[in-house]
């Protein structure tokens, strides 16, 4: 994890709080790392949908 990942996570939380849907630190850091590295996040955790809505997170929800 790099400083830019922490900064991106903070920015994500600010946006999410603005729409009333804050997230936990772990989810924010996972999303930030994926965004900063240009990687798609493939997960079963639907909480990431909120993050994808306020960011450039590429997300795939699997069942």
N, C-alpha and C. Protein backbone atom coordinates (compact mmCIF):
# COMPACT_ATOMS: atom_id res chain seq x y z
N UNK A 1 0.85 -1.17 0.00
CA UNK A 1 0.00 0.00 0.00
C UNK A 1 0.89 1.24 0.00
N UNK A 2 0.49 2.20 -0.79
CA UNK A 2 1.26 3.43 -0.95
C UNK A 2 0.46 4.63 -0.41
N UNK A 3 1.15 5.72 -0.25
CA UNK A 3 0.50 6.96 0.22
C UNK A 3 -0.67 7.35 -0.68
N UNK A 4 -0.50 7.19 -1.99
CA UNK A 4 -1.56 7.56 -2.92
C UNK A 4 -2.82 6.71 -2.71
N UNK A 5 -2.64 5.48 -2.22
CA UNK A 5 -3.80 4.63 -1.93
C UNK A 5 -4.58 5.19 -0.75
N UNK A 6 -3.86 5.61 0.27
CA UNK A 6 -4.51 6.20 1.45
C UNK A 6 -5.23 7.50 1.06
N UNK A 7 -4.58 8.32 0.26
CA UNK A 7 -5.19 9.57 -0.18
C UNK A 7 -6.44 9.32 -1.01
N UNK A 8 -6.41 8.32 -1.88
CA UNK A 8 -7.58 7.97 -2.69
C UNK A 8 -8.70 7.47 -1.79
N UNK A 9 -8.37 6.64 -0.80
CA UNK A 9 -9.38 6.13 0.13
C UNK A 9 -10.06 7.27 0.89
N UNK A 10 -9.28 8.24 1.31
CA UNK A 10 -9.84 9.41 2.00
C UNK A 10 -10.80 10.15 1.08
N UNK A 11 -10.39 10.35 -0.16
CA UNK A 11 -11.26 11.03 -1.13
C UNK A 11 -12.55 10.26 -1.38
N UNK A 12 -12.45 8.95 -1.45
CA UNK A 12 -13.65 8.13 -1.62
C UNK A 12 -14.59 8.29 -0.44
N UNK A 13 -14.04 8.27 0.76
CA UNK A 13 -14.88 8.42 1.96
C UNK A 13 -15.57 9.78 1.98
N UNK A 14 -14.87 10.81 1.58
CA UNK A 14 -15.48 12.15 1.53
C UNK A 14 -16.68 12.14 0.59
N UNK A 15 -16.51 11.54 -0.60
CA UNK A 15 -17.62 11.47 -1.56
C UNK A 15 -18.77 10.63 -1.02
N UNK A 16 -18.44 9.51 -0.39
CA UNK A 16 -19.48 8.62 0.14
C UNK A 16 -20.23 9.28 1.29
N UNK A 17 -19.54 9.99 2.14
CA UNK A 17 -20.23 10.70 3.23
C UNK A 17 -21.16 11.76 2.67
N UNK A 18 -20.75 12.36 1.56
CA UNK A 18 -21.58 13.38 0.91
C UNK A 18 -22.92 12.84 0.44
N UNK A 19 -22.97 11.55 0.14
CA UNK A 19 -24.23 10.94 -0.30
C UNK A 19 -24.84 10.05 0.80
N UNK A 20 -24.27 10.14 2.00
CA UNK A 20 -24.83 9.42 3.14
C UNK A 20 -24.56 7.94 3.17
N UNK A 21 -23.46 7.49 2.53
CA UNK A 21 -23.15 6.06 2.49
C UNK A 21 -21.68 5.78 2.80
N UNK A 22 -21.18 6.20 3.96
CA UNK A 22 -19.76 5.97 4.29
C UNK A 22 -19.47 4.47 4.41
N UNK A 23 -18.20 4.12 4.21
CA UNK A 23 -17.77 2.72 4.25
C UNK A 23 -16.63 2.55 5.24
N UNK A 24 -16.32 1.30 5.55
CA UNK A 24 -15.22 0.97 6.45
C UNK A 24 -13.87 1.15 5.77
N UNK A 25 -12.85 1.30 6.57
CA UNK A 25 -11.50 1.55 6.09
C UNK A 25 -11.02 0.45 5.14
N UNK A 26 -11.26 -0.80 5.49
CA UNK A 26 -10.76 -1.90 4.66
C UNK A 26 -11.34 -1.84 3.25
N UNK A 27 -12.66 -1.64 3.13
CA UNK A 27 -13.28 -1.57 1.81
C UNK A 27 -12.75 -0.37 1.02
N UNK A 28 -12.56 0.74 1.68
CA UNK A 28 -12.05 1.93 1.01
C UNK A 28 -10.63 1.70 0.48
N UNK A 29 -9.80 1.06 1.28
CA UNK A 29 -8.42 0.80 0.83
C UNK A 29 -8.38 -0.21 -0.30
N UNK A 30 -9.20 -1.24 -0.24
CA UNK A 30 -9.27 -2.21 -1.33
C UNK A 30 -9.67 -1.52 -2.63
N UNK A 31 -10.70 -0.71 -2.56
CA UNK A 31 -11.16 0.01 -3.75
C UNK A 31 -10.09 0.97 -4.27
N UNK A 32 -9.46 1.69 -3.38
CA UNK A 32 -8.43 2.65 -3.77
C UNK A 32 -7.26 1.96 -4.47
N UNK A 33 -6.83 0.84 -3.94
CA UNK A 33 -5.73 0.09 -4.54
C UNK A 33 -6.11 -0.36 -5.95
N UNK A 34 -7.32 -0.88 -6.11
CA UNK A 34 -7.77 -1.31 -7.44
C UNK A 34 -7.81 -0.14 -8.41
N UNK A 35 -8.36 0.97 -7.99
CA UNK A 35 -8.46 2.15 -8.85
C UNK A 35 -7.06 2.62 -9.26
N UNK A 36 -6.18 2.77 -8.30
CA UNK A 36 -4.84 3.30 -8.58
C UNK A 36 -4.01 2.38 -9.47
N UNK A 37 -4.34 1.11 -9.49
CA UNK A 37 -3.57 0.16 -10.30
C UNK A 37 -4.30 -0.25 -11.57
N UNK A 38 -5.47 0.34 -11.80
CA UNK A 38 -6.23 0.04 -13.00
C UNK A 38 -6.76 -1.38 -13.05
N UNK A 39 -7.08 -1.94 -11.89
CA UNK A 39 -7.55 -3.32 -11.80
C UNK A 39 -9.05 -3.37 -11.52
N UNK A 40 -9.70 -4.36 -12.08
CA UNK A 40 -11.12 -4.59 -11.80
C UNK A 40 -11.24 -5.33 -10.46
N UNK A 41 -12.20 -4.93 -9.67
CA UNK A 41 -12.50 -5.62 -8.41
C UNK A 41 -13.62 -6.61 -8.65
N UNK A 42 -13.34 -7.86 -8.43
CA UNK A 42 -14.34 -8.93 -8.57
C UNK A 42 -14.64 -9.43 -7.17
N UNK A 43 -15.90 -9.33 -6.75
CA UNK A 43 -16.25 -9.63 -5.37
C UNK A 43 -17.71 -10.07 -5.26
N UNK A 44 -18.03 -10.66 -4.12
CA UNK A 44 -19.42 -10.97 -3.79
C UNK A 44 -20.02 -9.87 -2.92
N UNK A 45 -19.19 -8.97 -2.43
CA UNK A 45 -19.59 -7.93 -1.48
C UNK A 45 -20.25 -6.76 -2.21
N UNK A 46 -21.56 -6.65 -2.07
CA UNK A 46 -22.30 -5.61 -2.77
C UNK A 46 -22.09 -4.22 -2.20
N UNK A 47 -21.42 -4.10 -1.05
CA UNK A 47 -21.10 -2.78 -0.49
C UNK A 47 -20.24 -1.97 -1.44
N UNK A 48 -19.49 -2.64 -2.30
CA UNK A 48 -18.62 -1.93 -3.23
C UNK A 48 -19.39 -1.20 -4.32
N UNK A 49 -20.67 -1.53 -4.49
CA UNK A 49 -21.48 -0.82 -5.49
C UNK A 49 -21.54 0.67 -5.19
N UNK A 50 -21.68 1.01 -3.92
CA UNK A 50 -21.73 2.42 -3.54
C UNK A 50 -20.43 3.12 -3.91
N UNK A 51 -19.32 2.46 -3.69
CA UNK A 51 -18.02 3.06 -4.01
C UNK A 51 -17.90 3.24 -5.52
N UNK A 52 -18.32 2.24 -6.29
CA UNK A 52 -18.25 2.33 -7.74
C UNK A 52 -19.11 3.48 -8.28
N UNK A 53 -20.23 3.75 -7.62
CA UNK A 53 -21.11 4.83 -8.06
C UNK A 53 -20.50 6.22 -7.92
N UNK A 54 -19.56 6.38 -6.98
CA UNK A 54 -18.97 7.70 -6.76
C UNK A 54 -17.52 7.78 -7.24
N UNK A 55 -17.07 6.75 -7.97
CA UNK A 55 -15.67 6.73 -8.39
C UNK A 55 -15.52 6.01 -9.73
N UNK A 56 -14.28 5.85 -10.12
CA UNK A 56 -13.98 5.15 -11.36
C UNK A 56 -13.67 3.68 -11.12
N UNK A 57 -14.08 3.14 -9.98
CA UNK A 57 -13.85 1.73 -9.67
C UNK A 57 -14.57 0.85 -10.68
N UNK A 58 -13.81 -0.04 -11.31
CA UNK A 58 -14.39 -1.03 -12.20
C UNK A 58 -14.74 -2.25 -11.33
N UNK A 59 -16.02 -2.60 -11.32
CA UNK A 59 -16.53 -3.57 -10.37
C UNK A 59 -17.31 -4.67 -11.06
N UNK A 60 -17.11 -5.90 -10.60
CA UNK A 60 -17.92 -7.03 -11.05
C UNK A 60 -18.38 -7.78 -9.82
N UNK A 61 -19.70 -7.87 -9.65
CA UNK A 61 -20.29 -8.60 -8.53
C UNK A 61 -20.60 -10.01 -9.02
N UNK A 62 -20.12 -11.00 -8.31
CA UNK A 62 -20.39 -12.39 -8.66
C UNK A 62 -21.28 -13.02 -7.59
N UNK A 63 -21.95 -14.09 -7.96
CA UNK A 63 -22.84 -14.74 -6.98
C UNK A 63 -22.19 -15.95 -6.37
